[in-house]
Every structure is written in structure tokens, then in C-alpha cells.
N, C-alpha and C. Protein backbone atom coordinates (compact mmCIF):
# COMPACT_ATOMS: atom_id res chain seq x y z
N MET A 1 203.90 9.67 -33.53
CA MET A 1 202.85 9.08 -34.02
C MET A 1 202.89 9.19 -35.50
N ARG A 2 202.05 8.08 -35.95
CA ARG A 2 201.83 7.77 -37.41
C ARG A 2 200.79 8.67 -37.96
N LEU A 3 201.12 9.50 -39.07
CA LEU A 3 200.10 10.36 -39.74
C LEU A 3 199.64 9.92 -40.97
N ILE A 4 198.47 10.06 -41.11
CA ILE A 4 197.67 9.58 -42.41
C ILE A 4 196.98 10.90 -42.78
N ASP A 5 197.21 11.31 -44.28
CA ASP A 5 196.60 12.49 -44.52
C ASP A 5 195.16 12.19 -45.15
N GLU A 6 194.29 13.18 -45.63
CA GLU A 6 192.93 13.40 -45.76
C GLU A 6 192.67 12.38 -46.99
N ASN A 7 193.76 11.97 -47.85
CA ASN A 7 193.61 11.06 -49.00
C ASN A 7 193.66 9.62 -48.46
N GLY A 8 194.16 9.35 -47.30
CA GLY A 8 194.46 8.00 -46.97
C GLY A 8 195.82 7.52 -47.29
N ALA A 9 196.75 8.52 -47.45
CA ALA A 9 198.18 8.19 -47.83
C ALA A 9 199.05 8.44 -46.53
N GLN A 10 199.93 7.46 -46.08
CA GLN A 10 200.75 7.63 -45.02
C GLN A 10 201.55 8.80 -45.06
N VAL A 11 201.77 9.83 -44.22
CA VAL A 11 202.88 10.85 -44.39
C VAL A 11 203.99 10.48 -43.57
N GLY A 12 203.85 9.65 -42.62
CA GLY A 12 205.01 9.31 -41.85
C GLY A 12 204.78 9.30 -40.24
N ILE A 13 206.05 9.07 -39.44
CA ILE A 13 206.06 9.05 -38.14
C ILE A 13 206.54 10.38 -37.65
N MET A 14 205.87 11.08 -36.93
CA MET A 14 206.47 12.62 -36.51
C MET A 14 205.74 12.80 -35.19
N SER A 15 206.06 14.07 -34.55
CA SER A 15 205.58 14.26 -33.30
C SER A 15 204.17 15.02 -33.55
N SER A 16 203.47 14.97 -32.36
CA SER A 16 201.94 15.37 -32.32
C SER A 16 201.93 16.91 -32.72
N ARG A 17 202.94 17.58 -32.42
CA ARG A 17 202.91 19.01 -32.66
C ARG A 17 203.04 19.28 -34.09
N ASP A 18 203.91 18.58 -34.83
CA ASP A 18 204.11 18.77 -36.23
C ASP A 18 202.85 18.17 -36.89
N ALA A 19 202.23 17.05 -36.45
CA ALA A 19 201.00 16.68 -37.17
C ALA A 19 199.88 17.73 -36.98
N LEU A 20 199.81 18.31 -35.82
CA LEU A 20 198.72 19.30 -35.63
C LEU A 20 199.08 20.44 -36.56
N ASN A 21 200.20 20.97 -36.71
CA ASN A 21 200.52 22.11 -37.58
C ASN A 21 200.27 21.74 -39.02
N ILE A 22 200.57 20.53 -39.49
CA ILE A 22 200.24 20.05 -40.91
C ILE A 22 198.66 20.21 -41.11
N ALA A 23 197.84 19.73 -40.13
CA ALA A 23 196.48 19.70 -40.11
C ALA A 23 195.99 21.10 -40.29
N ARG A 24 196.47 22.12 -39.40
CA ARG A 24 195.97 23.53 -39.39
C ARG A 24 196.29 24.11 -40.71
N GLU A 25 197.34 23.83 -41.39
CA GLU A 25 197.75 24.31 -42.48
C GLU A 25 196.74 24.18 -43.59
N LYS A 26 196.32 22.94 -43.55
CA LYS A 26 195.18 22.34 -44.65
C LYS A 26 193.77 22.70 -44.09
N GLY A 27 193.57 23.30 -43.01
CA GLY A 27 192.23 23.83 -42.49
C GLY A 27 191.44 22.48 -42.12
N LEU A 28 192.08 21.50 -41.73
CA LEU A 28 191.35 20.33 -41.30
C LEU A 28 191.73 19.95 -39.86
N ASP A 29 191.06 18.87 -39.33
CA ASP A 29 191.12 18.42 -37.92
C ASP A 29 192.09 17.16 -38.00
N LEU A 30 192.75 17.00 -36.69
CA LEU A 30 193.73 15.83 -36.44
C LEU A 30 192.94 14.95 -35.49
N VAL A 31 192.51 13.66 -35.97
CA VAL A 31 191.83 12.80 -35.29
C VAL A 31 192.42 11.52 -34.77
N LEU A 32 192.52 11.24 -33.67
CA LEU A 32 193.18 9.96 -33.26
C LEU A 32 192.45 8.76 -33.50
N ILE A 33 192.96 7.95 -34.37
CA ILE A 33 192.19 6.70 -34.89
C ILE A 33 192.50 5.49 -34.13
N ALA A 34 193.64 5.25 -33.89
CA ALA A 34 194.08 3.94 -33.05
C ALA A 34 195.03 4.55 -32.00
N PRO A 35 194.57 4.78 -30.72
CA PRO A 35 195.43 5.23 -29.64
C PRO A 35 196.27 4.15 -28.93
N ASN A 36 195.82 2.88 -29.27
CA ASN A 36 196.64 1.70 -28.42
C ASN A 36 197.72 1.25 -29.39
N ALA A 37 197.78 1.71 -30.64
CA ALA A 37 198.72 1.19 -31.57
C ALA A 37 200.15 1.72 -31.31
N ASN A 38 201.31 1.11 -31.81
CA ASN A 38 202.47 1.56 -31.50
C ASN A 38 203.28 1.81 -32.63
N PRO A 39 203.45 3.06 -33.26
CA PRO A 39 202.97 4.21 -32.56
C PRO A 39 201.66 4.63 -32.75
N PRO A 40 200.88 5.52 -31.98
CA PRO A 40 199.50 5.76 -32.15
C PRO A 40 199.30 6.39 -33.53
N VAL A 41 198.02 6.04 -34.02
CA VAL A 41 197.69 6.39 -35.63
C VAL A 41 196.76 7.59 -35.37
N CYS A 42 197.12 8.78 -36.35
CA CYS A 42 196.23 9.95 -36.31
C CYS A 42 195.86 10.16 -37.89
N ARG A 43 194.68 10.77 -38.05
CA ARG A 43 194.46 11.05 -39.39
C ARG A 43 193.92 12.38 -39.57
N ILE A 44 194.35 13.16 -40.59
CA ILE A 44 193.82 14.48 -40.90
C ILE A 44 192.40 14.30 -41.63
N VAL A 45 191.40 14.72 -41.18
CA VAL A 45 190.09 14.74 -41.85
C VAL A 45 189.36 15.86 -41.17
N ASP A 46 188.18 16.20 -42.08
CA ASP A 46 187.23 17.26 -41.67
C ASP A 46 186.25 16.61 -40.55
N LEU A 47 186.34 16.93 -39.48
CA LEU A 47 185.63 16.22 -38.36
C LEU A 47 184.29 16.22 -38.58
N GLY A 48 183.63 17.25 -39.07
CA GLY A 48 182.14 17.24 -39.15
C GLY A 48 181.85 16.28 -40.18
N LYS A 49 182.38 16.25 -41.27
CA LYS A 49 182.27 15.35 -42.33
C LYS A 49 182.29 13.75 -41.95
N TYR A 50 183.56 13.52 -41.25
CA TYR A 50 183.85 12.24 -40.70
C TYR A 50 182.67 11.69 -39.79
N LEU A 51 182.19 12.61 -38.90
CA LEU A 51 181.16 12.23 -37.92
C LEU A 51 179.77 11.93 -38.64
N TYR A 52 179.62 12.77 -39.65
CA TYR A 52 178.35 12.52 -40.52
C TYR A 52 178.46 11.26 -41.27
N GLU A 53 179.55 10.96 -41.74
CA GLU A 53 179.68 9.64 -42.49
C GLU A 53 179.53 8.49 -41.61
N GLN A 54 180.01 8.63 -40.33
CA GLN A 54 180.01 7.52 -39.40
C GLN A 54 178.61 7.32 -38.99
N THR A 55 177.72 8.41 -38.76
CA THR A 55 176.28 8.27 -38.42
C THR A 55 175.56 7.68 -39.59
N LYS A 56 175.99 8.12 -40.71
CA LYS A 56 175.24 7.48 -42.00
C LYS A 56 175.49 6.02 -42.20
N LYS A 57 176.64 5.53 -41.67
CA LYS A 57 177.03 4.17 -41.77
C LYS A 57 176.26 3.44 -40.66
N GLU A 58 176.18 3.95 -39.59
CA GLU A 58 175.41 3.29 -38.43
C GLU A 58 173.85 3.32 -38.85
N LYS A 59 173.37 4.28 -39.64
CA LYS A 59 171.94 3.98 -39.94
C LYS A 59 171.78 2.97 -40.96
N GLU A 60 172.72 2.84 -41.87
CA GLU A 60 172.59 1.85 -42.95
C GLU A 60 172.71 0.43 -42.29
N ALA A 61 173.43 0.24 -41.31
CA ALA A 61 173.69 -0.95 -40.80
C ALA A 61 172.32 -1.39 -39.82
N LYS A 62 171.68 -0.30 -39.32
CA LYS A 62 170.44 -0.52 -38.70
C LYS A 62 169.31 -1.06 -39.79
N LYS A 63 169.40 -0.50 -40.90
CA LYS A 63 168.28 -0.83 -41.84
C LYS A 63 168.63 -2.17 -42.22
N LYS A 64 169.62 -2.72 -42.16
CA LYS A 64 169.91 -4.05 -42.72
C LYS A 64 169.75 -5.08 -41.59
N GLN A 65 169.44 -4.67 -40.42
CA GLN A 65 169.36 -5.69 -39.34
C GLN A 65 167.88 -6.20 -39.41
N THR A 66 167.76 -7.59 -39.04
CA THR A 66 166.41 -8.12 -39.02
C THR A 66 165.91 -8.17 -37.63
N LYS A 67 164.70 -7.52 -37.63
CA LYS A 67 164.15 -7.40 -36.26
C LYS A 67 163.07 -8.71 -36.13
N ILE A 68 163.29 -9.62 -35.05
CA ILE A 68 162.64 -10.58 -34.85
C ILE A 68 161.50 -10.35 -33.66
N GLU A 69 160.28 -10.37 -34.23
CA GLU A 69 159.16 -10.18 -33.26
C GLU A 69 158.71 -11.42 -32.61
N VAL A 70 158.27 -11.31 -31.28
CA VAL A 70 157.76 -12.73 -30.76
C VAL A 70 156.26 -12.59 -30.69
N LYS A 71 155.76 -13.53 -31.37
CA LYS A 71 154.40 -13.85 -31.50
C LYS A 71 153.81 -14.95 -30.48
N GLN A 72 152.67 -15.04 -30.18
CA GLN A 72 152.24 -16.05 -29.34
C GLN A 72 150.94 -16.86 -29.82
N MET A 73 150.94 -18.16 -29.72
CA MET A 73 149.69 -18.86 -30.03
C MET A 73 149.41 -19.88 -28.86
N ARG A 74 148.20 -19.97 -28.59
CA ARG A 74 147.67 -20.62 -27.54
C ARG A 74 146.75 -21.78 -28.06
N TYR A 75 147.22 -22.97 -27.61
CA TYR A 75 146.27 -24.24 -27.93
C TYR A 75 145.69 -24.72 -26.70
N ARG A 76 144.54 -25.44 -26.81
CA ARG A 76 144.06 -26.23 -25.79
C ARG A 76 144.21 -27.72 -25.84
N LEU A 77 144.28 -28.44 -24.99
CA LEU A 77 144.62 -29.86 -24.92
C LEU A 77 143.56 -30.66 -25.90
N LYS A 78 142.24 -30.38 -25.63
CA LYS A 78 141.36 -31.00 -26.65
C LYS A 78 140.90 -30.25 -27.75
N ILE A 79 141.90 -30.07 -28.65
CA ILE A 79 141.54 -29.17 -29.95
C ILE A 79 141.27 -30.08 -31.07
N ASP A 80 140.34 -29.75 -31.95
CA ASP A 80 139.85 -30.61 -33.05
C ASP A 80 140.86 -30.25 -34.13
N THR A 81 140.92 -31.27 -35.04
CA THR A 81 141.90 -31.43 -36.09
C THR A 81 141.83 -30.26 -36.99
N ASN A 82 140.50 -29.67 -37.36
CA ASN A 82 140.42 -28.46 -38.03
C ASN A 82 140.92 -27.29 -37.44
N ASP A 83 140.65 -27.09 -36.24
CA ASP A 83 141.09 -25.93 -35.32
C ASP A 83 142.62 -25.94 -35.20
N LEU A 84 143.23 -27.16 -35.12
CA LEU A 84 144.53 -27.30 -35.04
C LEU A 84 145.24 -26.93 -36.49
N ALA A 85 144.67 -27.22 -37.52
CA ALA A 85 145.18 -27.04 -38.91
C ALA A 85 145.25 -25.48 -39.21
N ILE A 86 144.06 -24.77 -38.49
CA ILE A 86 143.97 -23.17 -38.75
C ILE A 86 144.96 -22.70 -37.91
N LYS A 87 145.17 -23.02 -36.62
CA LYS A 87 146.27 -22.38 -35.80
C LYS A 87 147.56 -22.64 -36.39
N ASN A 88 147.85 -24.01 -36.85
CA ASN A 88 149.12 -24.24 -37.43
C ASN A 88 149.51 -23.45 -38.55
N LYS A 89 148.38 -23.09 -39.27
CA LYS A 89 148.51 -22.28 -40.46
C LYS A 89 149.02 -20.74 -40.19
N LYS A 90 148.29 -20.37 -39.12
CA LYS A 90 148.52 -18.84 -38.59
C LYS A 90 150.03 -18.84 -38.19
N VAL A 91 150.53 -19.95 -37.44
CA VAL A 91 151.78 -20.05 -36.79
C VAL A 91 152.76 -20.18 -38.00
N ARG A 92 152.52 -20.81 -39.05
CA ARG A 92 153.31 -20.90 -40.26
C ARG A 92 153.42 -19.43 -40.91
N GLU A 93 152.42 -18.70 -41.02
CA GLU A 93 152.44 -17.25 -41.55
C GLU A 93 153.30 -16.43 -40.72
N PHE A 94 153.27 -16.42 -39.35
CA PHE A 94 154.04 -15.77 -38.61
C PHE A 94 155.58 -15.99 -38.70
N ILE A 95 155.99 -17.53 -38.79
CA ILE A 95 157.33 -17.91 -39.10
C ILE A 95 157.74 -17.43 -40.52
N GLU A 96 156.84 -17.56 -41.31
CA GLU A 96 157.33 -17.10 -42.76
C GLU A 96 157.67 -15.72 -42.88
N ASP A 97 156.97 -14.91 -41.99
CA ASP A 97 157.16 -13.36 -41.90
C ASP A 97 158.58 -13.05 -41.05
N GLY A 98 159.24 -14.05 -40.62
CA GLY A 98 160.41 -14.01 -39.85
C GLY A 98 160.22 -13.97 -38.22
N ASN A 99 159.03 -14.03 -37.78
CA ASN A 99 158.83 -13.97 -36.52
C ASN A 99 159.20 -15.19 -35.63
N ARG A 100 159.42 -15.21 -34.36
CA ARG A 100 159.64 -16.24 -33.43
C ARG A 100 158.23 -16.23 -32.69
N VAL A 101 157.74 -17.71 -32.57
CA VAL A 101 156.30 -17.93 -32.07
C VAL A 101 156.49 -18.73 -30.75
N ASN A 102 156.13 -18.13 -29.54
CA ASN A 102 155.95 -19.00 -28.42
C ASN A 102 154.55 -19.51 -28.40
N ILE A 103 154.60 -20.92 -28.16
CA ILE A 103 153.31 -21.78 -28.20
C ILE A 103 153.10 -22.19 -26.80
N GLU A 104 151.80 -22.01 -26.36
CA GLU A 104 151.34 -22.53 -24.98
C GLU A 104 150.24 -23.46 -25.22
N ILE A 105 150.38 -24.57 -24.63
CA ILE A 105 149.18 -25.45 -24.40
C ILE A 105 148.60 -25.39 -23.12
N TRP A 106 147.25 -25.09 -23.06
CA TRP A 106 146.60 -24.84 -21.86
C TRP A 106 146.19 -26.22 -21.01
N PHE A 107 146.37 -26.41 -19.81
CA PHE A 107 145.59 -27.43 -19.29
C PHE A 107 144.53 -26.97 -18.24
N ARG A 108 143.34 -27.43 -17.95
CA ARG A 108 142.51 -27.12 -17.12
C ARG A 108 142.14 -28.16 -16.23
N GLY A 109 141.99 -27.98 -15.11
CA GLY A 109 141.36 -28.94 -14.15
C GLY A 109 142.04 -30.34 -14.21
N ARG A 110 141.25 -31.44 -14.49
CA ARG A 110 141.62 -32.74 -14.77
C ARG A 110 142.58 -33.06 -15.92
N GLU A 111 142.70 -31.96 -16.90
CA GLU A 111 143.55 -32.33 -17.91
C GLU A 111 145.01 -32.14 -17.54
N MET A 112 145.30 -31.78 -16.31
CA MET A 112 146.80 -31.81 -15.75
C MET A 112 147.27 -33.29 -15.51
N ALA A 113 146.22 -34.22 -15.44
CA ALA A 113 146.69 -35.55 -15.23
C ALA A 113 147.26 -36.21 -16.54
N PHE A 114 146.94 -35.39 -17.74
CA PHE A 114 147.29 -35.91 -19.12
C PHE A 114 148.19 -35.00 -19.73
N THR A 115 149.24 -34.87 -19.01
CA THR A 115 150.37 -33.92 -19.61
C THR A 115 151.12 -34.71 -20.59
N ASP A 116 151.10 -36.04 -20.77
CA ASP A 116 151.69 -36.86 -21.93
C ASP A 116 150.96 -36.32 -23.33
N GLN A 117 149.64 -36.29 -23.07
CA GLN A 117 149.07 -35.95 -24.32
C GLN A 117 149.26 -34.47 -24.80
N GLY A 118 149.60 -33.75 -23.85
CA GLY A 118 150.13 -32.51 -24.34
C GLY A 118 151.43 -32.30 -24.89
N PHE A 119 152.26 -33.10 -24.30
CA PHE A 119 153.56 -33.35 -25.10
C PHE A 119 153.33 -33.95 -26.64
N GLU A 120 152.42 -35.02 -26.65
CA GLU A 120 152.08 -35.45 -27.94
C GLU A 120 151.64 -34.39 -28.91
N LEU A 121 150.70 -33.54 -28.34
CA LEU A 121 150.20 -32.51 -29.11
C LEU A 121 151.34 -31.43 -29.73
N ALA A 122 152.19 -31.35 -28.75
CA ALA A 122 153.32 -30.42 -28.88
C ALA A 122 154.25 -31.05 -30.18
N ASN A 123 154.51 -32.21 -30.05
CA ASN A 123 155.21 -32.97 -31.12
C ASN A 123 154.42 -32.85 -32.45
N LYS A 124 153.10 -33.00 -32.43
CA LYS A 124 152.28 -32.96 -33.69
C LYS A 124 152.61 -31.60 -34.39
N ILE A 125 152.57 -30.48 -33.40
CA ILE A 125 152.81 -29.03 -33.97
C ILE A 125 154.09 -29.11 -34.50
N ILE A 126 155.22 -29.43 -33.79
CA ILE A 126 156.60 -29.39 -34.20
C ILE A 126 156.72 -29.96 -35.70
N ASP A 127 156.09 -31.28 -35.59
CA ASP A 127 156.26 -32.01 -36.98
C ASP A 127 155.45 -31.28 -38.19
N ALA A 128 154.57 -30.72 -37.99
CA ALA A 128 153.48 -29.92 -38.89
C ALA A 128 154.35 -28.82 -39.45
N LEU A 129 155.25 -28.12 -38.60
CA LEU A 129 155.91 -26.95 -38.98
C LEU A 129 157.28 -27.30 -39.27
N SER A 130 157.59 -28.47 -39.33
CA SER A 130 159.23 -28.60 -39.24
C SER A 130 159.84 -28.13 -40.70
N ASP A 131 159.12 -28.05 -41.65
CA ASP A 131 159.79 -27.66 -42.90
C ASP A 131 160.10 -26.10 -42.91
N VAL A 132 159.54 -25.28 -42.03
CA VAL A 132 159.68 -23.68 -41.94
C VAL A 132 160.38 -23.42 -40.73
N ALA A 133 160.32 -24.32 -39.73
CA ALA A 133 160.68 -23.90 -38.34
C ALA A 133 161.45 -24.75 -37.60
N ILE A 134 162.50 -24.21 -36.63
CA ILE A 134 163.16 -25.13 -35.63
C ILE A 134 162.70 -24.93 -34.45
N VAL A 135 162.84 -25.83 -33.50
CA VAL A 135 162.55 -25.55 -32.14
C VAL A 135 163.69 -24.69 -31.47
N ALA A 136 163.24 -23.54 -30.82
CA ALA A 136 164.18 -22.65 -30.14
C ALA A 136 164.31 -23.13 -28.70
N SER A 137 163.07 -23.47 -28.15
CA SER A 137 163.17 -24.01 -26.84
C SER A 137 162.27 -25.23 -26.73
N PRO A 138 162.70 -26.39 -26.28
CA PRO A 138 161.95 -27.46 -26.34
C PRO A 138 160.73 -27.55 -25.43
N PRO A 139 159.69 -28.33 -25.66
CA PRO A 139 158.40 -28.18 -24.78
C PRO A 139 158.92 -28.53 -23.30
N LYS A 140 158.21 -27.69 -22.34
CA LYS A 140 158.51 -28.00 -20.96
C LYS A 140 157.22 -27.41 -20.26
N MET A 141 157.02 -27.88 -18.96
CA MET A 141 155.84 -27.41 -18.21
C MET A 141 156.09 -26.18 -17.34
N ALA A 142 155.27 -25.36 -17.52
CA ALA A 142 155.40 -23.94 -16.70
C ALA A 142 154.24 -23.69 -16.07
N GLY A 143 154.05 -24.21 -14.89
CA GLY A 143 152.75 -24.13 -14.11
C GLY A 143 151.83 -25.06 -14.71
N LYS A 144 150.61 -24.56 -15.19
CA LYS A 144 149.51 -25.30 -15.76
C LYS A 144 149.56 -25.32 -17.29
N ASN A 145 150.80 -24.71 -17.93
CA ASN A 145 150.80 -24.64 -19.36
C ASN A 145 152.01 -25.47 -19.89
N LEU A 146 152.02 -25.96 -20.95
CA LEU A 146 153.18 -26.51 -21.64
C LEU A 146 153.64 -25.43 -22.49
N VAL A 147 154.96 -25.11 -22.51
CA VAL A 147 155.38 -24.14 -23.17
C VAL A 147 156.63 -24.45 -24.19
N PHE A 148 156.79 -23.88 -25.37
CA PHE A 148 157.78 -23.89 -26.28
C PHE A 148 157.90 -23.09 -27.19
N SER A 149 158.93 -22.77 -27.86
CA SER A 149 159.02 -21.62 -29.02
C SER A 149 159.62 -22.34 -30.17
N LEU A 150 159.09 -21.67 -31.43
CA LEU A 150 159.64 -22.10 -32.64
C LEU A 150 160.18 -20.60 -33.33
N GLU A 151 161.32 -21.02 -34.21
CA GLU A 151 161.67 -19.83 -34.94
C GLU A 151 162.14 -20.29 -36.33
N PRO A 152 162.20 -19.40 -37.28
CA PRO A 152 162.40 -19.66 -38.62
C PRO A 152 163.72 -20.36 -38.92
N ASN A 153 163.71 -21.29 -39.76
CA ASN A 153 164.93 -22.00 -40.15
C ASN A 153 165.70 -21.10 -41.10
N LYS A 154 166.99 -21.71 -41.46
CA LYS A 154 167.80 -20.94 -42.33
C LYS A 154 167.23 -20.60 -43.65
N GLU A 155 166.56 -21.65 -44.35
CA GLU A 155 165.91 -21.37 -45.63
C GLU A 155 164.76 -20.29 -45.69
N VAL A 156 163.88 -20.26 -44.69
CA VAL A 156 162.98 -19.08 -44.63
C VAL A 156 163.75 -17.93 -44.31
N LEU A 157 164.77 -17.71 -43.49
CA LEU A 157 165.40 -16.40 -43.30
C LEU A 157 166.09 -16.10 -44.77
N LYS A 158 166.61 -16.87 -45.45
CA LYS A 158 167.25 -16.65 -46.85
C LYS A 158 166.32 -16.15 -47.76
N LYS A 159 164.83 -16.68 -47.66
CA LYS A 159 163.93 -16.23 -48.63
C LYS A 159 163.45 -14.83 -48.18
N LEU A 160 163.45 -14.64 -46.76
CA LEU A 160 163.09 -13.16 -46.34
C LEU A 160 163.97 -12.20 -46.82
N ARG A 161 165.45 -12.54 -46.73
CA ARG A 161 166.56 -11.57 -47.24
C ARG A 161 166.31 -11.28 -48.47
N GLU A 162 166.05 -12.51 -49.57
CA GLU A 162 165.84 -12.15 -50.94
C GLU A 162 164.87 -11.37 -51.07
N ARG A 163 163.68 -11.60 -50.53
CA ARG A 163 162.46 -10.80 -50.63
C ARG A 163 162.79 -9.30 -50.32
N ARG A 164 163.47 -9.01 -49.20
CA ARG A 164 163.80 -7.83 -48.73
C ARG A 164 164.59 -6.94 -49.77
N GLU A 165 165.59 -7.69 -50.36
CA GLU A 165 166.74 -7.05 -51.45
C GLU A 165 165.98 -6.79 -52.62
N ALA A 166 165.00 -7.64 -53.00
CA ALA A 166 164.13 -7.28 -54.20
C ALA A 166 163.24 -6.25 -53.95
N HIS A 167 162.56 -6.16 -52.83
CA HIS A 167 161.95 -4.83 -52.53
C HIS A 167 162.77 -3.67 -52.53
N GLU A 168 164.06 -3.48 -51.92
CA GLU A 168 164.80 -2.37 -52.03
C GLU A 168 165.19 -2.13 -53.34
N LYS A 169 165.35 -3.14 -54.28
CA LYS A 169 165.76 -2.74 -55.59
C LYS A 169 164.60 -1.98 -56.44
N GLN A 170 163.36 -2.48 -56.08
CA GLN A 170 162.13 -1.88 -56.74
C GLN A 170 162.05 -0.46 -56.16
N ASN A 171 162.20 -0.12 -54.82
CA ASN A 171 162.11 1.15 -54.42
C ASN A 171 163.23 2.10 -55.09
N GLN A 172 164.53 1.64 -55.24
CA GLN A 172 165.48 2.19 -55.89
C GLN A 172 165.17 2.64 -57.35
N VAL A 173 164.66 1.70 -58.09
CA VAL A 173 164.10 1.96 -59.51
C VAL A 173 162.86 2.90 -59.39
N LYS A 174 161.92 3.15 -58.51
CA LYS A 174 160.96 3.92 -58.26
C LYS A 174 161.45 5.27 -58.10
N GLN A 175 162.55 5.32 -57.27
CA GLN A 175 163.14 6.76 -56.96
C GLN A 175 163.78 7.32 -58.11
N ILE A 176 164.36 6.38 -58.88
CA ILE A 176 165.06 6.92 -60.08
C ILE A 176 164.12 7.41 -61.20
N SER A 177 162.99 6.58 -61.40
CA SER A 177 161.93 6.92 -62.22
C SER A 177 161.26 8.28 -61.85
N ASN A 178 161.08 8.54 -60.53
CA ASN A 178 160.41 9.71 -60.01
C ASN A 178 161.37 11.06 -60.29
N GLU A 179 162.67 10.64 -60.01
CA GLU A 179 163.68 11.78 -60.30
C GLU A 179 163.68 12.21 -61.74
N GLU A 180 163.56 11.29 -62.69
CA GLU A 180 163.44 11.65 -64.23
C GLU A 180 162.31 12.32 -64.77
N VAL A 181 161.25 12.21 -63.94
CA VAL A 181 159.94 12.91 -64.07
C VAL A 181 159.93 14.14 -63.79
């Protein structure tokens, strides 16, 4: 097997018994890094420290993930222009916060005969929000409702990332100033 020491330098190819003896002499553990390699790769490390660093890396990766929540907004077919503007404004806020929005247009009774008006309303909503959102799933009928979803476009996600990075920098500055005091 190929042996790598605690500093990351290659020791060479040797038997597993010899590698284990070298690790014991140094008071460290022998960890199999790449079992499928030819020859297999082992590393001399402090196992507790190694596992701690791995979990720390995983936590950092989780912090940097973006969690997308799914919000929902319901419209009626006969909605007034002001009400439409207010609901669109709220959907815009959801999208700018990085959330996905499922939109339903309700049909009641005889309104089912005018599904074409529902599609027109859906297109109005999509056009009004086209600067911040892209259509994740196109409008389609689901029972008595017309359903579609919008999600943030790349520009909005970029702004969110920049805002999050600026916020993290501010927190680091606050931590440093608190430590100095």
C-alpha cells in the first residue's frame, strides 16, 4: 500500500504491517483513504482530529447552502387591478427573499367555462414578475385550479449571495470588535 505521513508527504509503497508499525511509533492512527486505488492509499493521522475536521467541513458546507422555501399565493379569476398589484408585490417580496412561489388561480362555479381568462391572468402575473422570476412549472389546470410556480432568476440569486456574504463579513467584524473589548 502507498503510505502518506501526517504532513502529507509520501513515504512510499510498503506492506500494511510496516505502515501500521510506523503509525504506532508516532502514536497516531493508520486510515485507509482510497481503498480502490492501485495500490491502496493509507494516511497516518490522529483519527479524532481527522473526524473532527471532517464534521467541521460538513457544517461549513451546510451553512453555505441556500434553503429555498416554497410560498403560496392564491388569486381569484375576477380580481381587481389594485388587488392584483398588491398580490404581485407580495410575490415579488417572496422571490427577492429567494423563495419559490406556487401560484393558484381559483375557479368557482361558472368560472370554469372561462379557463382561457385564467391563462390570460397567469400570463399577466408572469409578465409583471419577469424581471425577478422565471417560470419553474408552466400554467396548467389541476382540478378547478390553474396552477404554476415561479422561482428567483440568476440575478436575484446573485444579489442574495452578495447580501449574505456582506452580512457574514459584518458578523466577523462584530466578533473581532467584541473580542478586543
